[in-house]
PDB file of N, CA and C in Angstrom:
ATOM      1  N   MET A   1     -34.069 -93.936  -6.174  1.00  0.00           N
ATOM      2  CA  MET A   1     -35.484 -93.398  -4.951  1.00  0.00           C
ATOM      3  C   MET A   1     -36.689 -93.010  -5.827  1.00  0.00           C
ATOM      4  N   GLU A   2     -38.098 -92.919  -5.401  1.00  0.00           N
ATOM      5  CA  GLU A   2     -38.664 -92.527  -6.346  1.00  0.00           C
ATOM      6  C   GLU A   2     -38.557 -91.054  -5.966  1.00  0.00           C
ATOM      7  N   LEU A   3     -39.233 -90.322  -7.083  1.00  0.00           N
ATOM      8  CA  LEU A   3     -39.902 -88.893  -7.060  1.00  0.00           C
ATOM      9  C   LEU A   3     -41.077 -88.790  -6.625  1.00  0.00           C
ATOM     10  N   SER A   4     -41.618 -87.518  -5.884  1.00  0.00           N
ATOM     11  CA  SER A   4     -42.031 -87.142  -5.112  1.00  0.00           C
ATOM     12  C   SER A   4     -43.236 -86.428  -6.415  1.00  0.00           C
ATOM     13  N   GLU A   5     -44.509 -86.709  -6.627  1.00  0.00           N
ATOM     14  CA  GLU A   5     -45.627 -85.703  -7.202  1.00  0.00           C
ATOM     15  C   GLU A   5     -46.021 -83.915  -6.917  1.00  0.00           C
ATOM     16  N   LYS A   6     -45.192 -83.967  -5.877  1.00  0.00           N
ATOM     17  CA  LYS A   6     -45.210 -82.223  -5.723  1.00  0.00           C
ATOM     18  C   LYS A   6     -44.265 -81.754  -6.235  1.00  0.00           C
ATOM     19  N   SER A   7     -44.563 -80.492  -7.113  1.00  0.00           N
ATOM     20  CA  SER A   7     -43.785 -79.540  -7.781  1.00  0.00           C
ATOM     21  C   SER A   7     -42.541 -79.097  -6.967  1.00  0.00           C
ATOM     22  N   TRP A   8     -41.490 -79.365  -7.791  1.00  0.00           N
ATOM     23  CA  TRP A   8     -40.370 -78.772  -7.209  1.00  0.00           C
ATOM     24  C   TRP A   8     -40.287 -76.864  -6.802  1.00  0.00           C
ATOM     25  N   LEU A   9     -40.772 -76.593  -8.351  1.00  0.00           N
ATOM     26  CA  LEU A   9     -40.152 -75.127  -8.020  1.00  0.00           C
ATOM     27  C   LEU A   9     -41.805 -74.648  -7.286  1.00  0.00           C
ATOM     28  N   THR A  10     -42.993 -75.089  -7.186  1.00  0.00           N
ATOM     29  CA  THR A  10     -43.503 -74.455  -6.068  1.00  0.00           C
ATOM     30  C   THR A  10     -43.009 -74.900  -4.607  1.00  0.00           C
ATOM     31  N   THR A  11     -42.531 -75.895  -4.390  1.00  0.00           N
ATOM     32  CA  THR A  11     -41.825 -76.346  -3.326  1.00  0.00           C
ATOM     33  C   THR A  11     -41.220 -75.316  -2.976  1.00  0.00           C
ATOM     34  N   LEU A  12     -39.784 -74.857  -3.741  1.00  0.00           N
ATOM     35  CA  LEU A  12     -39.249 -73.845  -3.771  1.00  0.00           C
ATOM     36  C   LEU A  12     -39.876 -72.400  -3.452  1.00  0.00           C
ATOM     37  N   LEU A  13     -40.571 -72.014  -4.101  1.00  0.00           N
ATOM     38  CA  LEU A  13     -41.106 -70.833  -4.267  1.00  0.00           C
ATOM     39  C   LEU A  13     -41.869 -70.142  -2.661  1.00  0.00           C
ATOM     40  N   LEU A  14     -42.764 -71.624  -2.510  1.00  0.00           N
ATOM     41  CA  LEU A  14     -42.858 -71.453  -1.156  1.00  0.00           C
ATOM     42  C   LEU A  14     -42.090 -71.315   0.274  1.00  0.00           C
ATOM     43  N   CYS A  15     -40.964 -71.685   0.050  1.00  0.00           N
ATOM     44  CA  CYS A  15     -40.038 -71.741   1.177  1.00  0.00           C
ATOM     45  C   CYS A  15     -39.459 -70.663   0.955  1.00  0.00           C
ATOM     46  N   ILE A  16     -39.089 -70.151  -0.275  1.00  0.00           N
ATOM     47  CA  ILE A  16     -38.554 -68.771  -0.654  1.00  0.00           C
ATOM     48  C   ILE A  16     -39.666 -67.373  -0.083  1.00  0.00           C
ATOM     49  N   PHE A  17     -40.777 -67.587  -0.374  1.00  0.00           N
ATOM     50  CA  PHE A  17     -41.774 -66.702   0.438  1.00  0.00           C
ATOM     51  C   PHE A  17     -42.570 -66.669   1.346  1.00  0.00           C
ATOM     52  N   LEU A  18     -42.742 -67.646   1.769  1.00  0.00           N
ATOM     53  CA  LEU A  18     -43.522 -68.549   3.160  1.00  0.00           C
ATOM     54  C   LEU A  18     -42.534 -69.448   4.198  1.00  0.00           C
ATOM     55  N   GLY A  19     -41.185 -69.275   3.937  1.00  0.00           N
ATOM     56  CA  GLY A  19     -41.089 -70.140   4.677  1.00  0.00           C
ATOM     57  C   GLY A  19     -40.709 -70.084   5.838  1.00  0.00           C
ATOM     58  N   CYS A  20     -40.795 -68.760   6.803  1.00  0.00           N
ATOM     59  CA  CYS A  20     -41.109 -68.742   8.101  1.00  0.00           C
ATOM     60  C   CYS A  20     -42.390 -69.210   8.214  1.00  0.00           C
ATOM     61  N   LEU A  21     -43.293 -69.434   7.547  1.00  0.00           N
ATOM     62  CA  LEU A  21     -44.764 -69.817   8.126  1.00  0.00           C
ATOM     63  C   LEU A  21     -44.662 -71.634   8.206  1.00  0.00           C
ATOM     64  N   GLY A  22     -43.786 -71.799   7.547  1.00  0.00           N
ATOM     65  CA  GLY A  22     -43.846 -73.560   7.235  1.00  0.00           C
ATOM     66  C   GLY A  22     -44.784 -74.185   5.841  1.00  0.00           C
ATOM     67  N   ILE A  23     -45.472 -73.098   5.204  1.00  0.00           N
ATOM     68  CA  ILE A  23     -46.130 -73.403   4.471  1.00  0.00           C
ATOM     69  C   ILE A  23     -45.576 -74.614   3.535  1.00  0.00           C
ATOM     70  N   HIS A  24     -44.536 -74.711   2.751  1.00  0.00           N
ATOM     71  CA  HIS A  24     -43.685 -75.435   2.473  1.00  0.00           C
ATOM     72  C   HIS A  24     -43.607 -76.770   2.899  1.00  0.00           C
ATOM     73  N   ARG A  25     -43.592 -76.980   4.359  1.00  0.00           N
ATOM     74  CA  ARG A  25     -43.550 -78.039   4.442  1.00  0.00           C
ATOM     75  C   ARG A  25     -45.446 -78.679   4.459  1.00  0.00           C
ATOM     76  N   PHE A  26     -46.313 -77.862   5.075  1.00  0.00           N
ATOM     77  CA  PHE A  26     -47.777 -78.432   4.609  1.00  0.00           C
ATOM     78  C   PHE A  26     -48.144 -78.292   3.320  1.00  0.00           C
ATOM     79  N   TYR A  27     -47.337 -77.809   2.513  1.00  0.00           N
ATOM     80  CA  TYR A  27     -47.680 -78.304   1.032  1.00  0.00           C
ATOM     81  C   TYR A  27     -46.985 -79.777   0.706  1.00  0.00           C
ATOM     82  N   VAL A  28     -45.706 -80.841   1.066  1.00  0.00           N
ATOM     83  CA  VAL A  28     -45.430 -81.647   0.881  1.00  0.00           C
ATOM     84  C   VAL A  28     -45.847 -82.882   2.082  1.00  0.00           C
ATOM     85  N   GLY A  29     -46.841 -82.308   2.740  1.00  0.00           N
ATOM     86  CA  GLY A  29     -47.521 -83.454   3.854  1.00  0.00           C
ATOM     87  C   GLY A  29     -46.440 -83.089   5.111  1.00  0.00           C
ATOM     88  N   LYS A  30     -45.869 -83.001   5.349  1.00  0.00           N
ATOM     89  CA  LYS A  30     -45.160 -82.625   6.792  1.00  0.00           C
ATOM     90  C   LYS A  30     -45.599 -81.689   7.621  1.00  0.00           C
ATOM     91  N   THR A  31     -46.887 -82.135   8.346  1.00  0.00           N
ATOM     92  CA  THR A  31     -47.608 -81.282   8.932  1.00  0.00           C
ATOM     93  C   THR A  31     -46.746 -80.768  10.490  1.00  0.00           C
ATOM     94  N   GLY A  32     -46.018 -81.907  11.151  1.00  0.00           N
ATOM     95  CA  GLY A  32     -45.811 -81.792  12.089  1.00  0.00           C
ATOM     96  C   GLY A  32     -44.781 -80.490  12.159  1.00  0.00           C
ATOM     97  N   THR A  33     -43.622 -80.769  11.421  1.00  0.00           N
ATOM     98  CA  THR A  33     -42.593 -79.859  11.523  1.00  0.00           C
ATOM     99  C   THR A  33     -42.997 -78.661  10.771  1.00  0.00           C
ATOM    100  N   GLY A  34     -44.288 -78.764   9.762  1.00  0.00           N
ATOM    101  CA  GLY A  34     -45.002 -77.369   9.327  1.00  0.00           C
ATOM    102  C   GLY A  34     -45.269 -76.805  11.146  1.00  0.00           C
ATOM    103  N   ILE A  35     -45.907 -77.461  11.971  1.00  0.00           N
ATOM    104  CA  ILE A  35     -46.528 -76.672  12.903  1.00  0.00           C
ATOM    105  C   ILE A  35     -44.986 -76.309  13.641  1.00  0.00           C
ATOM    106  N   VAL A  36     -44.160 -76.678  13.565  1.00  0.00           N
ATOM    107  CA  VAL A  36     -43.300 -76.256  14.183  1.00  0.00           C
ATOM    108  C   VAL A  36     -42.355 -75.263  13.431  1.00  0.00           C
ATOM    109  N   TRP A  37     -42.427 -74.574  12.088  1.00  0.00           N
ATOM    110  CA  TRP A  37     -41.520 -73.670  11.833  1.00  0.00           C
ATOM    111  C   TRP A  37     -42.698 -73.001  11.632  1.00  0.00           C
ATOM    112  N   LEU A  38     -43.594 -72.995  11.908  1.00  0.00           N
ATOM    113  CA  LEU A  38     -44.910 -71.907  11.869  1.00  0.00           C
ATOM    114  C   LEU A  38     -44.896 -71.274  13.580  1.00  0.00           C
ATOM    115  N   LEU A  39     -44.114 -72.119  14.218  1.00  0.00           N
ATOM    116  CA  LEU A  39     -44.409 -71.348  16.100  1.00  0.00           C
ATOM    117  C   LEU A  39     -42.532 -70.860  16.269  1.00  0.00           C
ATOM    118  N   THR A  40     -42.045 -71.213  15.340  1.00  0.00           N
ATOM    119  CA  THR A  40     -40.679 -70.521  15.770  1.00  0.00           C
ATOM    120  C   THR A  40     -40.239 -70.058  14.308  1.00  0.00           C
ATOM    121  N   CYS A  41     -40.711 -69.276  13.314  1.00  0.00           N
ATOM    122  CA  CYS A  41     -40.513 -68.622  12.615  1.00  0.00           C
ATOM    123  C   CYS A  41     -39.236 -69.171  11.407  1.00  0.00           C
ATOM    124  N   GLY A  42     -39.171 -70.620  11.467  1.00  0.00           N
ATOM    125  CA  GLY A  42     -39.052 -71.165  10.395  1.00  0.00           C
ATOM    126  C   GLY A  42     -37.411 -71.878  11.330  1.00  0.00           C
ATOM    127  N   CYS A  43     -37.671 -71.930  12.175  1.00  0.00           N
ATOM    128  CA  CYS A  43     -36.304 -72.474  13.154  1.00  0.00           C
ATOM    129  C   CYS A  43     -35.736 -71.186  13.282  1.00  0.00           C
ATOM    130  N   PHE A  44     -36.281 -69.956  13.278  1.00  0.00           N
ATOM    131  CA  PHE A  44     -35.424 -69.189  13.864  1.00  0.00           C
ATOM    132  C   PHE A  44     -34.490 -68.325  12.346  1.00  0.00           C
ATOM    133  N   GLY A  45     -35.141 -68.892  11.252  1.00  0.00           N
ATOM    134  CA  GLY A  45     -34.552 -68.416  10.294  1.00  0.00           C
ATOM    135  C   GLY A  45     -33.358 -69.425   9.492  1.00  0.00           C
ATOM    136  N   ILE A  46     -32.932 -70.157  10.404  1.00  0.00           N
ATOM    137  CA  ILE A  46     -31.943 -71.089  10.079  1.00  0.00           C
ATOM    138  C   ILE A  46     -32.808 -72.285   9.018  1.00  0.00           C
ATOM    139  N   GLY A  47     -33.673 -72.845   9.840  1.00  0.00           N
ATOM    140  CA  GLY A  47     -34.285 -74.222   9.173  1.00  0.00           C
ATOM    141  C   GLY A  47     -34.671 -73.542   7.993  1.00  0.00           C
ATOM    142  N   VAL A  48     -35.201 -72.447   7.311  1.00  0.00           N
ATOM    143  CA  VAL A  48     -35.766 -72.334   6.126  1.00  0.00           C
ATOM    144  C   VAL A  48     -34.528 -71.868   5.577  1.00  0.00           C
ATOM    145  N   ILE A  49     -33.374 -71.089   5.595  1.00  0.00           N
ATOM    146  CA  ILE A  49     -32.408 -71.095   4.721  1.00  0.00           C
ATOM    147  C   ILE A  49     -31.455 -72.971   4.573  1.00  0.00           C
ATOM    148  N   VAL A  50     -31.539 -73.824   5.480  1.00  0.00           N
ATOM    149  CA  VAL A  50     -31.312 -75.372   5.073  1.00  0.00           C
ATOM    150  C   VAL A  50     -32.286 -76.189   4.109  1.00  0.00           C
ATOM    151  N   ASP A  51     -33.252 -75.611   4.287  1.00  0.00           N
ATOM    152  CA  ASP A  51     -34.609 -75.921   3.370  1.00  0.00           C
ATOM    153  C   ASP A  51     -34.520 -75.705   2.167  1.00  0.00           C
ATOM    154  N   ILE A  52     -34.224 -74.164   1.821  1.00  0.00           N
ATOM    155  CA  ILE A  52     -34.141 -73.908   0.418  1.00  0.00           C
ATOM    156  C   ILE A  52     -32.552 -74.497   0.000  1.00  0.00           C
ATOM    157  N   ILE A  53     -31.716 -74.672   0.706  1.00  0.00           N
ATOM    158  CA  ILE A  53     -30.389 -75.716  -0.222  1.00  0.00           C
ATOM    159  C   ILE A  53     -30.907 -76.590  -0.451  1.00  0.00           C
ATOM    160  N   LYS A  54     -31.634 -77.628   0.571  1.00  0.00           N
ATOM    161  CA  LYS A  54     -31.966 -79.117   0.234  1.00  0.00           C
ATOM    162  C   LYS A  54     -32.526 -79.027  -1.012  1.00  0.00           C
ATOM    163  N   ILE A  55     -34.192 -78.076  -1.136  1.00  0.00           N
ATOM    164  CA  ILE A  55     -34.548 -78.117  -2.588  1.00  0.00           C
ATOM    165  C   ILE A  55     -33.608 -77.534  -4.077  1.00  0.00           C
ATOM    166  N   ILE A  56     -33.141 -76.973  -3.866  1.00  0.00           N
ATOM    167  CA  ILE A  56     -31.919 -76.599  -4.781  1.00  0.00           C
ATOM    168  C   ILE A  56     -31.686 -77.892  -4.808  1.00  0.00           C
ATOM    169  N   CYS A  57     -30.934 -78.497  -3.965  1.00  0.00           N
ATOM    170  CA  CYS A  57     -29.978 -79.574  -3.995  1.00  0.00           C
ATOM    171  C   CYS A  57     -31.005 -80.827  -4.714  1.00  0.00           C
ATOM    172  N   GLY A  58     -31.589 -80.690  -4.348  1.00  0.00           N
ATOM    173  CA  GLY A  58     -32.482 -82.345  -4.427  1.00  0.00           C
ATOM    174  C   GLY A  58     -32.214 -82.966  -3.469  1.00  0.00           C
ATOM    175  N   ASN A  59     -32.468 -82.573  -2.932  1.00  0.00           N
ATOM    176  CA  ASN A  59     -32.612 -83.661  -1.097  1.00  0.00           C
ATOM    177  C   ASN A  59     -33.606 -83.049  -0.337  1.00  0.00           C
ATOM    178  N   PHE A  60     -34.506 -82.702  -0.757  1.00  0.00           N
ATOM    179  CA  PHE A  60     -35.627 -82.947   0.195  1.00  0.00           C
ATOM    180  C   PHE A  60     -36.917 -83.608  -0.231  1.00  0.00           C
ATOM    181  N   THR A  61     -37.607 -83.942   1.076  1.00  0.00           N
ATOM    182  CA  THR A  61     -38.482 -84.924   0.298  1.00  0.00           C
ATOM    183  C   THR A  61     -40.089 -84.681   0.958  1.00  0.00           C
ATOM    184  N   ASP A  62     -41.017 -85.459   0.123  1.00  0.00           N
ATOM    185  CA  ASP A  62     -42.105 -85.277   0.967  1.00  0.00           C
ATOM    186  C   ASP A  62     -42.643 -86.156   2.057  1.00  0.00           C
ATOM    187  N   LYS A  63     -43.781 -86.468   2.781  1.00  0.00           N
ATOM    188  CA  LYS A  63     -44.061 -87.199   3.682  1.00  0.00           C
ATOM    189  C   LYS A  63     -43.881 -88.216   3.780  1.00  0.00           C
ATOM    190  N   ASP A  64     -43.383 -88.741   2.624  1.00  0.00           N
ATOM    191  CA  ASP A  64     -43.509 -90.600   2.481  1.00  0.00           C
ATOM    192  C   ASP A  64     -42.374 -90.811   1.609  1.00  0.00           C
ATOM    193  N   GLY A  65     -41.407 -89.924   1.912  1.00  0.00           N
ATOM    194  CA  GLY A  65     -40.032 -89.822   1.807  1.00  0.00           C
ATOM    195  C   GLY A  65     -38.985 -89.733   0.298  1.00  0.00           C
ATOM    196  N   LYS A  66     -40.081 -89.491  -0.490  1.00  0.00           N
ATOM    197  CA  LYS A  66     -40.227 -89.453  -2.210  1.00  0.00           C
ATOM    198  C   LYS A  66     -39.588 -88.470  -2.324  1.00  0.00           C
ATOM    199  N   GLU A  67     -38.048 -88.207  -3.339  1.00  0.00           N
ATOM    200  CA  GLU A  67     -37.534 -86.731  -3.429  1.00  0.00           C
ATOM    201  C   GLU A  67     -38.336 -85.883  -4.265  1.00  0.00           C
ATOM    202  N   ILE A  68     -38.054 -84.304  -3.966  1.00  0.00           N
ATOM    203  CA  ILE A  68     -39.112 -83.180  -4.632  1.00  0.00           C
ATOM    204  C   ILE A  68     -37.773 -82.953  -5.781  1.00  0.00           C
ATOM    205  N   ARG A  69     -37.965 -83.417  -6.914  1.00  0.00           N
ATOM    206  CA  ARG A  69     -37.091 -82.686  -8.099  1.00  0.00           C
ATOM    207  C   ARG A  69     -37.471 -82.404  -9.072  1.00  0.00           C
ATOM    208  N   ASP A  70     -35.976 -81.186  -9.734  1.00  0.00           N
ATOM    209  CA  ASP A  70     -37.262 -80.658 -11.097  1.00  0.00           C
ATOM    210  C   ASP A  70     -37.153 -81.959 -11.655  1.00  0.00           C
ATOM    211  N   HIS A  71     -38.385 -81.845 -12.662  1.00  0.00           N
ATOM    212  CA  HIS A  71     -38.836 -83.087 -13.555  1.00  0.00           C
ATOM    213  C   HIS A  71     -38.072 -82.877 -14.773  1.00  0.00           C
ATOM    214  N   ARG A  72     -37.377 -81.806 -14.732  1.00  0.00           N
ATOM    215  CA  ARG A  72     -36.600 -81.433 -16.709  1.00  0.00           C
ATOM    216  C   ARG A  72     -35.702 -82.329 -16.959  1.00  0.00           C
TER     217      ARG A  72
END
């Protein structure tokens, strides 16, 4: 699978600090779900926790389906 050009660390930090607003989803190009996160406070917090786990594990993708991983 291809790797995204989006920064793993930026995505993780946005999710941790602004996850309830969906900013990390807007950052990776997932505008539709970003709006849902914004209106539901990150799917009532559960979606934010799931996203943090997915980002840490390397299973979170951008809008094109490319994995966002730590490039180190």
